[in-house]
Protein backbone atom coordinates (compact mmCIF):
# COMPACT_ATOMS: atom_id res chain seq x y z
CA MET A 1 6.27 2.35 -0.50
CA PHE A 2 8.11 5.67 0.23
CA ASN A 3 7.26 8.43 1.96
CA ILE A 4 8.21 11.68 3.54
CA GLU A 5 7.25 13.25 7.10
CA ASN A 6 7.54 17.11 6.44
CA ASP A 7 6.40 19.58 3.46
CA LEU A 8 9.56 21.11 1.87
CA PRO A 9 9.50 24.06 -0.12
CA MET A 10 9.74 23.72 -3.95
CA PRO A 11 10.91 26.89 -5.52
CA GLU A 12 10.37 27.24 -9.70
CA MET A 13 13.34 26.95 -11.36
CA THR A 14 15.48 25.22 -14.04
CA SER A 15 18.35 23.04 -12.54
CA LYS A 16 21.86 22.73 -14.19
CA ALA A 17 21.87 19.52 -12.25
CA PRO A 18 19.40 17.07 -13.32
CA ALA A 19 19.51 14.46 -10.32
CA VAL A 20 19.20 17.05 -7.88
CA ASP A 21 16.56 18.20 -9.71
CA THR A 22 14.96 14.90 -9.53
CA ALA A 23 15.67 14.44 -5.93
CA PHE A 24 13.58 17.91 -5.42
CA ARG A 25 11.01 16.79 -7.57
CA ILE A 26 10.42 13.54 -5.65
CA LEU A 27 10.77 15.09 -1.97
CA ASP A 28 8.25 17.51 -3.49
CA TYR A 29 5.46 14.81 -4.63
CA LEU A 30 6.25 12.82 -1.58
CA ALA A 31 5.47 16.29 0.56
CA LYS A 32 2.13 16.02 -1.16
CA ALA A 33 1.42 12.48 -1.90
CA PRO A 34 -1.56 10.91 0.32
CA GLY A 35 0.23 8.54 2.00
CA GLU A 36 2.72 6.48 0.58
CA ALA A 37 3.44 5.70 -2.84
CA GLY A 38 5.64 2.95 -5.00
CA VAL A 39 8.79 3.86 -7.49
CA SER A 40 6.51 3.56 -10.53
CA GLU A 41 3.69 6.00 -9.62
CA ILE A 42 6.82 8.34 -8.56
CA ALA A 43 8.51 7.78 -11.42
CA ARG A 44 5.33 8.74 -13.38
CA ALA A 45 4.69 11.34 -11.32
CA VAL A 46 7.77 13.12 -11.62
CA GLY A 47 8.51 12.25 -15.27
CA SER A 48 11.62 10.13 -14.86
CA SER A 49 12.51 7.04 -15.43
CA LYS A 50 11.52 3.96 -12.91
CA GLY A 51 15.55 3.11 -13.00
CA THR A 52 16.58 6.54 -12.53
CA CYS A 53 13.66 7.54 -9.85
CA PHE A 54 15.02 4.09 -7.98
CA ASN A 55 18.68 5.37 -7.77
CA VAL A 56 17.51 8.77 -6.00
CA LEU A 57 15.38 7.30 -3.64
CA ALA A 58 17.77 4.62 -2.77
CA THR A 59 19.85 7.81 -2.18
CA LEU A 60 17.66 9.75 -0.08
CA GLN A 61 16.98 6.69 1.56
CA ALA A 62 20.85 6.53 2.93
CA ARG A 63 20.48 10.06 3.99
CA ASP A 64 17.15 9.83 5.70
CA ALA A 65 15.29 11.88 3.90
CA VAL A 66 12.63 9.38 3.25
CA THR A 67 11.83 6.04 4.76
CA LYS A 68 10.65 2.61 3.12
CA ASP A 69 8.02 0.80 4.72
């Protein structure tokens, strides 16, 4: 289960870098989610595949942007 400690602002814009856009959608979702969320739940919420979501979360975790319990 992943979660984030602080709330990041999410400006409304279209990205030319889909992976970056997905990462910010994930961070925005986690910042607003009550507690923890699994990969399937996050993927559904941000409109991404589970594989893409997993890879983005792994990168965010490696950069200490999210934690996995």
